[in-house]
Amino acid sequence: MAYIQDIAVIRPQMAEAIPCTHEDLIKLLEDTRIELEEKLNDLEMLSVQATCMTYDMVTIRTDPSVVESIIRLNEAYLSCKEAVAKDYKEMLIKPKEN
């Protein structure tokens, strides 16, 4: 018995009919069509961007020269970071000359 009552609560009630003219309905359908076309265009643009990003990632990951360049860049960054840290420590230890 409780099950039947739960269904009755979940089932939406019918809304009263809203008076509209044939022109209102045509306008509503036209607006909906235009909005759907805009959303489809946005979706197509996102799809193209995702495809380009995927292509770029595949070419970057499969090109061995890019991997070697990234490794060299990382090594240069680490050595530069080490040199800056060393200079910074020396600057902190060195007494100020006025």
PDB file of N, CA and C in Angstrom:
ATOM      1  N   MET A   1       0.813  -1.186   0.000  1.00  0.00           N
ATOM      2  CA  MET A   1       0.000   0.000   0.000  1.00  0.00           C
ATOM      3  C   MET A   1       0.862   1.258   0.000  1.00  0.00           C
ATOM      4  N   ALA A   2       1.962   1.244   0.764  1.00  0.00           N
ATOM      5  CA  ALA A   2       2.860   2.398   0.800  1.00  0.00           C
ATOM      6  C   ALA A   2       3.511   2.607  -0.572  1.00  0.00           C
ATOM      7  N   TYR A   3       3.750   1.517  -1.277  1.00  0.00           N
ATOM      8  CA  TYR A   3       4.368   1.603  -2.596  1.00  0.00           C
ATOM      9  C   TYR A   3       3.492   2.392  -3.565  1.00  0.00           C
ATOM     10  N   ILE A   4       2.219   2.159  -3.548  1.00  0.00           N
ATOM     11  CA  ILE A   4       1.301   2.873  -4.433  1.00  0.00           C
ATOM     12  C   ILE A   4       1.271   4.355  -4.086  1.00  0.00           C
ATOM     13  N   GLN A   5       1.336   4.684  -2.815  1.00  0.00           N
ATOM     14  CA  GLN A   5       1.335   6.084  -2.405  1.00  0.00           C
ATOM     15  C   GLN A   5       2.616   6.773  -2.876  1.00  0.00           C
ATOM     16  N   ASP A   6       3.784   6.086  -2.815  1.00  0.00           N
ATOM     17  CA  ASP A   6       5.044   6.665  -3.275  1.00  0.00           C
ATOM     18  C   ASP A   6       4.987   6.985  -4.765  1.00  0.00           C
ATOM     19  N   ILE A   7       4.389   6.114  -5.524  1.00  0.00           N
ATOM     20  CA  ILE A   7       4.280   6.353  -6.956  1.00  0.00           C
ATOM     21  C   ILE A   7       3.424   7.583  -7.225  1.00  0.00           C
ATOM     22  N   ALA A   8       2.367   7.715  -6.476  1.00  0.00           N
ATOM     23  CA  ALA A   8       1.476   8.858  -6.658  1.00  0.00           C
ATOM     24  C   ALA A   8       2.207  10.163  -6.356  1.00  0.00           C
ATOM     25  N   VAL A   9       3.121  10.142  -5.391  1.00  0.00           N
ATOM     26  CA  VAL A   9       3.864  11.350  -5.033  1.00  0.00           C
ATOM     27  C   VAL A   9       4.886  11.684  -6.118  1.00  0.00           C
ATOM     28  N   ILE A  10       5.515  10.676  -6.688  1.00  0.00           N
ATOM     29  CA  ILE A  10       6.557  10.884  -7.680  1.00  0.00           C
ATOM     30  C   ILE A  10       5.971  11.343  -9.018  1.00  0.00           C
ATOM     31  N   ARG A  11       4.814  10.816  -9.390  1.00  0.00           N
ATOM     32  CA  ARG A  11       4.223  11.115 -10.687  1.00  0.00           C
ATOM     33  C   ARG A  11       3.894  12.614 -10.777  1.00  0.00           C
ATOM     34  N   PRO A  12       4.401  13.313 -11.804  1.00  0.00           N
ATOM     35  CA  PRO A  12       4.131  14.752 -11.912  1.00  0.00           C
ATOM     36  C   PRO A  12       2.672  15.005 -12.268  1.00  0.00           C
ATOM     37  N   GLN A  13       2.189  16.107 -11.805  1.00  0.00           N
ATOM     38  CA  GLN A  13       0.816  16.470 -12.092  1.00  0.00           C
ATOM     39  C   GLN A  13       0.769  17.213 -13.417  1.00  0.00           C
ATOM     40  N   MET A  14      -0.312  17.067 -14.114  1.00  0.00           N
ATOM     41  CA  MET A  14      -0.479  17.720 -15.405  1.00  0.00           C
ATOM     42  C   MET A  14      -0.655  19.216 -15.204  1.00  0.00           C
ATOM     43  N   ALA A  15       0.092  19.987 -15.929  1.00  0.00           N
ATOM     44  CA  ALA A  15      -0.040  21.432 -15.842  1.00  0.00           C
ATOM     45  C   ALA A  15      -1.235  21.874 -16.675  1.00  0.00           C
ATOM     46  N   GLU A  16      -1.796  22.975 -16.287  1.00  0.00           N
ATOM     47  CA  GLU A  16      -2.915  23.499 -17.061  1.00  0.00           C
ATOM     48  C   GLU A  16      -2.385  24.007 -18.402  1.00  0.00           C
ATOM     49  N   ALA A  17      -3.203  23.914 -19.404  1.00  0.00           N
ATOM     50  CA  ALA A  17      -2.812  24.350 -20.737  1.00  0.00           C
ATOM     51  C   ALA A  17      -2.628  25.863 -20.754  1.00  0.00           C
ATOM     52  N   ILE A  18      -1.534  26.303 -21.358  1.00  0.00           N
ATOM     53  CA  ILE A  18      -1.261  27.725 -21.485  1.00  0.00           C
ATOM     54  C   ILE A  18      -1.771  28.161 -22.849  1.00  0.00           C
ATOM     55  N   PRO A  19      -2.622  29.159 -22.880  1.00  0.00           N
ATOM     56  CA  PRO A  19      -3.147  29.567 -24.193  1.00  0.00           C
ATOM     57  C   PRO A  19      -2.039  30.183 -25.046  1.00  0.00           C
ATOM     58  N   CYS A  20      -1.926  29.709 -26.274  1.00  0.00           N
ATOM     59  CA  CYS A  20      -0.949  30.280 -27.200  1.00  0.00           C
ATOM     60  C   CYS A  20      -1.511  30.179 -28.608  1.00  0.00           C
ATOM     61  N   THR A  21      -1.017  31.056 -29.434  1.00  0.00           N
ATOM     62  CA  THR A  21      -1.488  31.082 -30.809  1.00  0.00           C
ATOM     63  C   THR A  21      -0.560  30.262 -31.690  1.00  0.00           C
ATOM     64  N   HIS A  22      -0.980  30.052 -32.887  1.00  0.00           N
ATOM     65  CA  HIS A  22      -0.166  29.318 -33.853  1.00  0.00           C
ATOM     66  C   HIS A  22       1.157  30.056 -34.105  1.00  0.00           C
ATOM     67  N   GLU A  23       1.103  31.386 -34.157  1.00  0.00           N
ATOM     68  CA  GLU A  23       2.313  32.184 -34.371  1.00  0.00           C
ATOM     69  C   GLU A  23       3.283  32.052 -33.201  1.00  0.00           C
ATOM     70  N   ASP A  24       2.734  31.982 -31.969  1.00  0.00           N
ATOM     71  CA  ASP A  24       3.595  31.800 -30.795  1.00  0.00           C
ATOM     72  C   ASP A  24       4.329  30.471 -30.865  1.00  0.00           C
ATOM     73  N   LEU A  25       3.620  29.444 -31.286  1.00  0.00           N
ATOM     74  CA  LEU A  25       4.222  28.124 -31.396  1.00  0.00           C
ATOM     75  C   LEU A  25       5.290  28.099 -32.488  1.00  0.00           C
ATOM     76  N   ILE A  26       5.023  28.720 -33.614  1.00  0.00           N
ATOM     77  CA  ILE A  26       5.998  28.802 -34.707  1.00  0.00           C
ATOM     78  C   ILE A  26       7.247  29.546 -34.228  1.00  0.00           C
ATOM     79  N   LYS A  27       7.058  30.662 -33.517  1.00  0.00           N
ATOM     80  CA  LYS A  27       8.186  31.454 -32.998  1.00  0.00           C
ATOM     81  C   LYS A  27       9.007  30.637 -32.009  1.00  0.00           C
ATOM     82  N   LEU A  28       8.322  29.899 -31.123  1.00  0.00           N
ATOM     83  CA  LEU A  28       9.011  29.062 -30.145  1.00  0.00           C
ATOM     84  C   LEU A  28       9.842  27.988 -30.846  1.00  0.00           C
ATOM     85  N   LEU A  29       9.270  27.348 -31.846  1.00  0.00           N
ATOM     86  CA  LEU A  29      10.006  26.313 -32.577  1.00  0.00           C
ATOM     87  C   LEU A  29      11.187  26.901 -33.348  1.00  0.00           C
ATOM     88  N   GLU A  30      11.017  28.066 -33.924  1.00  0.00           N
ATOM     89  CA  GLU A  30      12.110  28.715 -34.656  1.00  0.00           C
ATOM     90  C   GLU A  30      13.245  29.101 -33.698  1.00  0.00           C
ATOM     91  N   ASP A  31      12.882  29.654 -32.539  1.00  0.00           N
ATOM     92  CA  ASP A  31      13.897  30.009 -31.541  1.00  0.00           C
ATOM     93  C   ASP A  31      14.647  28.771 -31.056  1.00  0.00           C
ATOM     94  N   THR A  32      13.908  27.683 -30.866  1.00  0.00           N
ATOM     95  CA  THR A  32      14.534  26.433 -30.431  1.00  0.00           C
ATOM     96  C   THR A  32      15.486  25.909 -31.500  1.00  0.00           C
ATOM     97  N   ARG A  33      15.062  25.978 -32.766  1.00  0.00           N
ATOM     98  CA  ARG A  33      15.927  25.522 -33.861  1.00  0.00           C
ATOM     99  C   ARG A  33      17.203  26.337 -33.926  1.00  0.00           C
ATOM    100  N   ILE A  34      17.084  27.658 -33.787  1.00  0.00           N
ATOM    101  CA  ILE A  34      18.268  28.535 -33.835  1.00  0.00           C
ATOM    102  C   ILE A  34      19.203  28.226 -32.674  1.00  0.00           C
ATOM    103  N   GLU A  35      18.630  28.047 -31.485  1.00  0.00           N
ATOM    104  CA  GLU A  35      19.463  27.741 -30.315  1.00  0.00           C
ATOM    105  C   GLU A  35      20.168  26.401 -30.470  1.00  0.00           C
ATOM    106  N   LEU A  36      19.465  25.405 -31.014  1.00  0.00           N
ATOM    107  CA  LEU A  36      20.086  24.100 -31.247  1.00  0.00           C
ATOM    108  C   LEU A  36      21.214  24.193 -32.270  1.00  0.00           C
ATOM    109  N   GLU A  37      21.025  24.990 -33.317  1.00  0.00           N
ATOM    110  CA  GLU A  37      22.083  25.176 -34.312  1.00  0.00           C
ATOM    111  C   GLU A  37      23.313  25.829 -33.683  1.00  0.00           C
ATOM    112  N   GLU A  38      23.087  26.821 -32.809  1.00  0.00           N
ATOM    113  CA  GLU A  38      24.213  27.480 -32.134  1.00  0.00           C
ATOM    114  C   GLU A  38      24.952  26.495 -31.232  1.00  0.00           C
ATOM    115  N   LYS A  39      24.192  25.689 -30.481  1.00  0.00           N
ATOM    116  CA  LYS A  39      24.819  24.699 -29.596  1.00  0.00           C
ATOM    117  C   LYS A  39      25.584  23.655 -30.405  1.00  0.00           C
ATOM    118  N   LEU A  40      25.025  23.242 -31.543  1.00  0.00           N
ATOM    119  CA  LEU A  40      25.711  22.281 -32.400  1.00  0.00           C
ATOM    120  C   LEU A  40      27.009  22.879 -32.944  1.00  0.00           C
ATOM    121  N   ASN A  41      26.972  24.157 -33.322  1.00  0.00           N
ATOM    122  CA  ASN A  41      28.165  24.829 -33.809  1.00  0.00           C
ATOM    123  C   ASN A  41      29.229  24.890 -32.704  1.00  0.00           C
ATOM    124  N   ASP A  42      28.805  25.232 -31.479  1.00  0.00           N
ATOM    125  CA  ASP A  42      29.748  25.264 -30.356  1.00  0.00           C
ATOM    126  C   ASP A  42      30.353  23.883 -30.121  1.00  0.00           C
ATOM    127  N   LEU A  43      29.526  22.851 -30.199  1.00  0.00           N
ATOM    128  CA  LEU A  43      30.004  21.485 -30.007  1.00  0.00           C
ATOM    129  C   LEU A  43      30.992  21.089 -31.098  1.00  0.00           C
ATOM    130  N   GLU A  44      30.720  21.475 -32.322  1.00  0.00           N
ATOM    131  CA  GLU A  44      31.644  21.185 -33.423  1.00  0.00           C
ATOM    132  C   GLU A  44      32.991  21.880 -33.204  1.00  0.00           C
ATOM    133  N   MET A  45      32.954  23.133 -32.740  1.00  0.00           N
ATOM    134  CA  MET A  45      34.199  23.866 -32.487  1.00  0.00           C
ATOM    135  C   MET A  45      35.005  23.184 -31.382  1.00  0.00           C
ATOM    136  N   LEU A  46      34.330  22.756 -30.316  1.00  0.00           N
ATOM    137  CA  LEU A  46      35.027  22.051 -29.239  1.00  0.00           C
ATOM    138  C   LEU A  46      35.613  20.729 -29.736  1.00  0.00           C
ATOM    139  N   SER A  47      34.884  20.059 -30.600  1.00  0.00           N
ATOM    140  CA  SER A  47      35.368  18.803 -31.157  1.00  0.00           C
ATOM    141  C   SER A  47      36.621  19.026 -32.001  1.00  0.00           C
ATOM    142  N   VAL A  48      36.624  20.087 -32.798  1.00  0.00           N
ATOM    143  CA  VAL A  48      37.796  20.409 -33.615  1.00  0.00           C
ATOM    144  C   VAL A  48      38.985  20.740 -32.719  1.00  0.00           C
ATOM    145  N   GLN A  49      38.758  21.528 -31.672  1.00  0.00           N
ATOM    146  CA  GLN A  49      39.851  21.886 -30.763  1.00  0.00           C
ATOM    147  C   GLN A  49      40.407  20.648 -30.068  1.00  0.00           C
ATOM    148  N   ALA A  50      39.524  19.746 -29.631  1.00  0.00           N
ATOM    149  CA  ALA A  50      39.978  18.518 -28.979  1.00  0.00           C
ATOM    150  C   ALA A  50      40.777  17.649 -29.943  1.00  0.00           C
ATOM    151  N   THR A  51      40.345  17.598 -31.190  1.00  0.00           N
ATOM    152  CA  THR A  51      41.067  16.817 -32.193  1.00  0.00           C
ATOM    153  C   THR A  51      42.458  17.404 -32.433  1.00  0.00           C
ATOM    154  N   CYS A  52      42.542  18.732 -32.533  1.00  0.00           N
ATOM    155  CA  CYS A  52      43.844  19.380 -32.736  1.00  0.00           C
ATOM    156  C   CYS A  52      44.762  19.135 -31.542  1.00  0.00           C
ATOM    157  N   MET A  53      44.217  19.231 -30.346  1.00  0.00           N
ATOM    158  CA  MET A  53      45.030  18.989 -29.148  1.00  0.00           C
ATOM    159  C   MET A  53      45.532  17.552 -29.118  1.00  0.00           C
ATOM    160  N   THR A  54      44.668  16.614 -29.482  1.00  0.00           N
ATOM    161  CA  THR A  54      45.067  15.206 -29.506  1.00  0.00           C
ATOM    162  C   THR A  54      46.159  14.984 -30.540  1.00  0.00           C
ATOM    163  N   TYR A  55      46.007  15.577 -31.710  1.00  0.00           N
ATOM    164  CA  TYR A  55      47.022  15.438 -32.761  1.00  0.00           C
ATOM    165  C   TYR A  55      48.355  16.006 -32.280  1.00  0.00           C
ATOM    166  N   ASP A  56      48.317  17.193 -31.660  1.00  0.00           N
ATOM    167  CA  ASP A  56      49.547  17.798 -31.151  1.00  0.00           C
ATOM    168  C   ASP A  56      50.211  16.906 -30.114  1.00  0.00           C
ATOM    169  N   MET A  57      49.418  16.331 -29.201  1.00  0.00           N
ATOM    170  CA  MET A  57      49.994  15.460 -28.176  1.00  0.00           C
ATOM    171  C   MET A  57      50.628  14.217 -28.798  1.00  0.00           C
ATOM    172  N   VAL A  58      49.974  13.643 -29.785  1.00  0.00           N
ATOM    173  CA  VAL A  58      50.520  12.439 -30.423  1.00  0.00           C
ATOM    174  C   VAL A  58      51.817  12.766 -31.150  1.00  0.00           C
ATOM    175  N   THR A  59      51.855  13.887 -31.873  1.00  0.00           N
ATOM    176  CA  THR A  59      53.075  14.230 -32.602  1.00  0.00           C
ATOM    177  C   THR A  59      54.199  14.583 -31.651  1.00  0.00           C
ATOM    178  N   ILE A  60      53.886  15.255 -30.563  1.00  0.00           N
ATOM    179  CA  ILE A  60      54.938  15.601 -29.593  1.00  0.00           C
ATOM    180  C   ILE A  60      55.496  14.348 -28.943  1.00  0.00           C
ATOM    181  N   ARG A  61      54.620  13.434 -28.558  1.00  0.00           N
ATOM    182  CA  ARG A  61      55.080  12.231 -27.868  1.00  0.00           C
ATOM    183  C   ARG A  61      55.801  11.250 -28.784  1.00  0.00           C
ATOM    184  N   THR A  62      55.530  11.301 -30.071  1.00  0.00           N
ATOM    185  CA  THR A  62      56.166  10.340 -30.965  1.00  0.00           C
ATOM    186  C   THR A  62      57.410  10.896 -31.638  1.00  0.00           C
ATOM    187  N   ASP A  63      57.661  12.191 -31.545  1.00  0.00           N
ATOM    188  CA  ASP A  63      58.837  12.788 -32.167  1.00  0.00           C
ATOM    189  C   ASP A  63      60.014  12.679 -31.196  1.00  0.00           C
ATOM    190  N   PRO A  64      61.022  11.863 -31.505  1.00  0.00           N
ATOM    191  CA  PRO A  64      62.133  11.659 -30.568  1.00  0.00           C
ATOM    192  C   PRO A  64      62.946  12.939 -30.324  1.00  0.00           C
ATOM    193  N   SER A  65      63.036  13.821 -31.299  1.00  0.00           N
ATOM    194  CA  SER A  65      63.822  15.036 -31.101  1.00  0.00           C
ATOM    195  C   SER A  65      63.185  15.942 -30.059  1.00  0.00           C
ATOM    196  N   VAL A  66      61.862  15.924 -29.964  1.00  0.00           N
ATOM    197  CA  VAL A  66      61.180  16.741 -28.962  1.00  0.00           C
ATOM    198  C   VAL A  66      61.489  16.209 -27.561  1.00  0.00           C
ATOM    199  N   VAL A  67      61.490  14.897 -27.413  1.00  0.00           N
ATOM    200  CA  VAL A  67      61.799  14.291 -26.117  1.00  0.00           C
ATOM    201  C   VAL A  67      63.221  14.648 -25.703  1.00  0.00           C
ATOM    202  N   GLU A  68      64.166  14.559 -26.636  1.00  0.00           N
ATOM    203  CA  GLU A  68      65.557  14.907 -26.335  1.00  0.00           C
ATOM    204  C   GLU A  68      65.676  16.385 -25.960  1.00  0.00           C
ATOM    205  N   SER A  69      64.949  17.243 -26.655  1.00  0.00           N
ATOM    206  CA  SER A  69      64.977  18.673 -26.350  1.00  0.00           C
ATOM    207  C   SER A  69      64.409  18.946 -24.963  1.00  0.00           C
ATOM    208  N   ILE A  70      63.344  18.253 -24.602  1.00  0.00           N
ATOM    209  CA  ILE A  70      62.749  18.439 -23.278  1.00  0.00           C
ATOM    210  C   ILE A  70      63.713  17.976 -22.194  1.00  0.00           C
ATOM    211  N   ILE A  71      64.420  16.881 -22.433  1.00  0.00           N
ATOM    212  CA  ILE A  71      65.401  16.392 -21.452  1.00  0.00           C
ATOM    213  C   ILE A  71      66.532  17.401 -21.288  1.00  0.00           C
ATOM    214  N   ARG A  72      67.043  17.931 -22.405  1.00  0.00           N
ATOM    215  CA  ARG A  72      68.108  18.951 -22.323  1.00  0.00           C
ATOM    216  C   ARG A  72      67.614  20.209 -21.616  1.00  0.00           C
ATOM    217  N   LEU A  73      66.394  20.618 -21.922  1.00  0.00           N
ATOM    218  CA  LEU A  73      65.818  21.790 -21.276  1.00  0.00           C
ATOM    219  C   LEU A  73      65.667  21.562 -19.777  1.00  0.00           C
ATOM    220  N   ASN A  74      65.234  20.385 -19.390  1.00  0.00           N
ATOM    221  CA  ASN A  74      65.089  20.072 -17.968  1.00  0.00           C
ATOM    222  C   ASN A  74      66.452  20.075 -17.266  1.00  0.00           C
ATOM    223  N   GLU A  75      67.467  19.514 -17.915  1.00  0.00           N
ATOM    224  CA  GLU A  75      68.820  19.517 -17.324  1.00  0.00           C
ATOM    225  C   GLU A  75      69.349  20.943 -17.186  1.00  0.00           C
ATOM    226  N   ALA A  76      69.116  21.777 -18.189  1.00  0.00           N
ATOM    227  CA  ALA A  76      69.556  23.173 -18.115  1.00  0.00           C
ATOM    228  C   ALA A  76      68.823  23.900 -17.006  1.00  0.00           C
ATOM    229  N   TYR A  77      67.535  23.644 -16.861  1.00  0.00           N
ATOM    230  CA  TYR A  77      66.760  24.265 -15.794  1.00  0.00           C
ATOM    231  C   TYR A  77      67.295  23.867 -14.430  1.00  0.00           C
ATOM    232  N   LEU A  78      67.574  22.577 -14.247  1.00  0.00           N
ATOM    233  CA  LEU A  78      68.063  22.110 -12.951  1.00  0.00           C
ATOM    234  C   LEU A  78      69.433  22.699 -12.626  1.00  0.00           C
ATOM    235  N   SER A  79      70.324  22.788 -13.606  1.00  0.00           N
ATOM    236  CA  SER A  79      71.645  23.365 -13.343  1.00  0.00           C
ATOM    237  C   SER A  79      71.530  24.855 -13.053  1.00  0.00           C
ATOM    238  N   CYS A  80      70.653  25.541 -13.744  1.00  0.00           N
ATOM    239  CA  CYS A  80      70.433  26.968 -13.488  1.00  0.00           C
ATOM    240  C   CYS A  80      69.842  27.162 -12.099  1.00  0.00           C
ATOM    241  N   LYS A  81      68.900  26.318 -11.732  1.00  0.00           N
ATOM    242  CA  LYS A  81      68.279  26.400 -10.407  1.00  0.00           C
ATOM    243  C   LYS A  81      69.318  26.162  -9.318  1.00  0.00           C
ATOM    244  N   GLU A  82      70.207  25.213  -9.552  1.00  0.00           N
ATOM    245  CA  GLU A  82      71.268  24.912  -8.588  1.00  0.00           C
ATOM    246  C   GLU A  82      72.220  26.095  -8.446  1.00  0.00           C
ATOM    247  N   ALA A  83      72.580  26.718  -9.580  1.00  0.00           N
ATOM    248  CA  ALA A  83      73.491  27.868  -9.540  1.00  0.00           C
ATOM    249  C   ALA A  83      72.850  29.050  -8.815  1.00  0.00           C
ATOM    250  N   VAL A  84      71.590  29.289  -9.062  1.00  0.00           N
ATOM    251  CA  VAL A  84      70.896  30.392  -8.387  1.00  0.00           C
ATOM    252  C   VAL A  84      70.799  30.124  -6.891  1.00  0.00           C
ATOM    253  N   ALA A  85      70.501  28.886  -6.509  1.00  0.00           N
ATOM    254  CA  ALA A  85      70.421  28.539  -5.094  1.00  0.00           C
ATOM    255  C   ALA A  85      71.779  28.719  -4.421  1.00  0.00           C
ATOM    256  N   LYS A  86      72.840  28.326  -5.120  1.00  0.00           N
ATOM    257  CA  LYS A  86      74.192  28.467  -4.578  1.00  0.00           C
ATOM    258  C   LYS A  86      74.532  29.946  -4.390  1.00  0.00           C
ATOM    259  N   ASP A  87      74.251  30.766  -5.408  1.00  0.00           N
ATOM    260  CA  ASP A  87      74.515  32.209  -5.303  1.00  0.00           C
ATOM    261  C   ASP A  87      73.683  32.833  -4.194  1.00  0.00           C
ATOM    262  N   TYR A  88      72.456  32.395  -4.028  1.00  0.00           N
ATOM    263  CA  TYR A  88      71.578  32.939  -3.000  1.00  0.00           C
ATOM    264  C   TYR A  88      72.104  32.597  -1.616  1.00  0.00           C
ATOM    265  N   LYS A  89      72.572  31.351  -1.438  1.00  0.00           N
ATOM    266  CA  LYS A  89      73.135  30.954  -0.146  1.00  0.00           C
ATOM    267  C   LYS A  89      74.390  31.756   0.155  1.00  0.00           C
ATOM    268  N   GLU A  90      75.252  31.949  -0.853  1.00  0.00           N
ATOM    269  CA  GLU A  90      76.457  32.747  -0.657  1.00  0.00           C
ATOM    270  C   GLU A  90      76.115  34.183  -0.307  1.00  0.00           C
ATOM    271  N   MET A  91      75.107  34.718  -0.917  1.00  0.00           N
ATOM    272  CA  MET A  91      74.699  36.089  -0.641  1.00  0.00           C
ATOM    273  C   MET A  91      74.186  36.216   0.795  1.00  0.00           C
ATOM    274  N   LEU A  92      73.504  35.195   1.296  1.00  0.00           N
ATOM    275  CA  LEU A  92      72.998  35.245   2.658  1.00  0.00           C
ATOM    276  C   LEU A  92      74.128  35.102   3.683  1.00  0.00           C
ATOM    277  N   ILE A  93      75.132  34.275   3.352  1.00  0.00           N
ATOM    278  CA  ILE A  93      76.234  34.042   4.269  1.00  0.00           C
ATOM    279  C   ILE A  93      77.207  35.233   4.271  1.00  0.00           C
ATOM    280  N   LYS A  94      77.436  35.812   3.102  1.00  0.00           N
ATOM    281  CA  LYS A  94      78.382  36.917   2.956  1.00  0.00           C
ATOM    282  C   LYS A  94      77.885  38.142   3.733  1.00  0.00           C
ATOM    283  N   PRO A  95      78.748  38.768   4.547  1.00  0.00           N
ATOM    284  CA  PRO A  95      78.308  39.972   5.266  1.00  0.00           C
ATOM    285  C   PRO A  95      78.101  41.129   4.290  1.00  0.00           C
ATOM    286  N   LYS A  96      77.167  41.967   4.654  1.00  0.00           N
ATOM    287  CA  LYS A  96      76.878  43.126   3.795  1.00  0.00           C
ATOM    288  C   LYS A  96      78.014  44.119   3.887  1.00  0.00           C
ATOM    289  N   GLU A  97      78.397  44.666   2.741  1.00  0.00           N
ATOM    290  CA  GLU A  97      79.418  45.686   2.699  1.00  0.00           C
ATOM    291  C   GLU A  97      78.723  47.019   2.456  1.00  0.00           C
ATOM    292  N   ASN A  98      78.863  47.923   3.408  1.00  0.00           N
ATOM    293  CA  ASN A  98      78.233  49.251   3.280  1.00  0.00           C
ATOM    294  C   ASN A  98      79.232  50.293   2.917  1.00  0.00           C
TER     295      ASN A  98
END
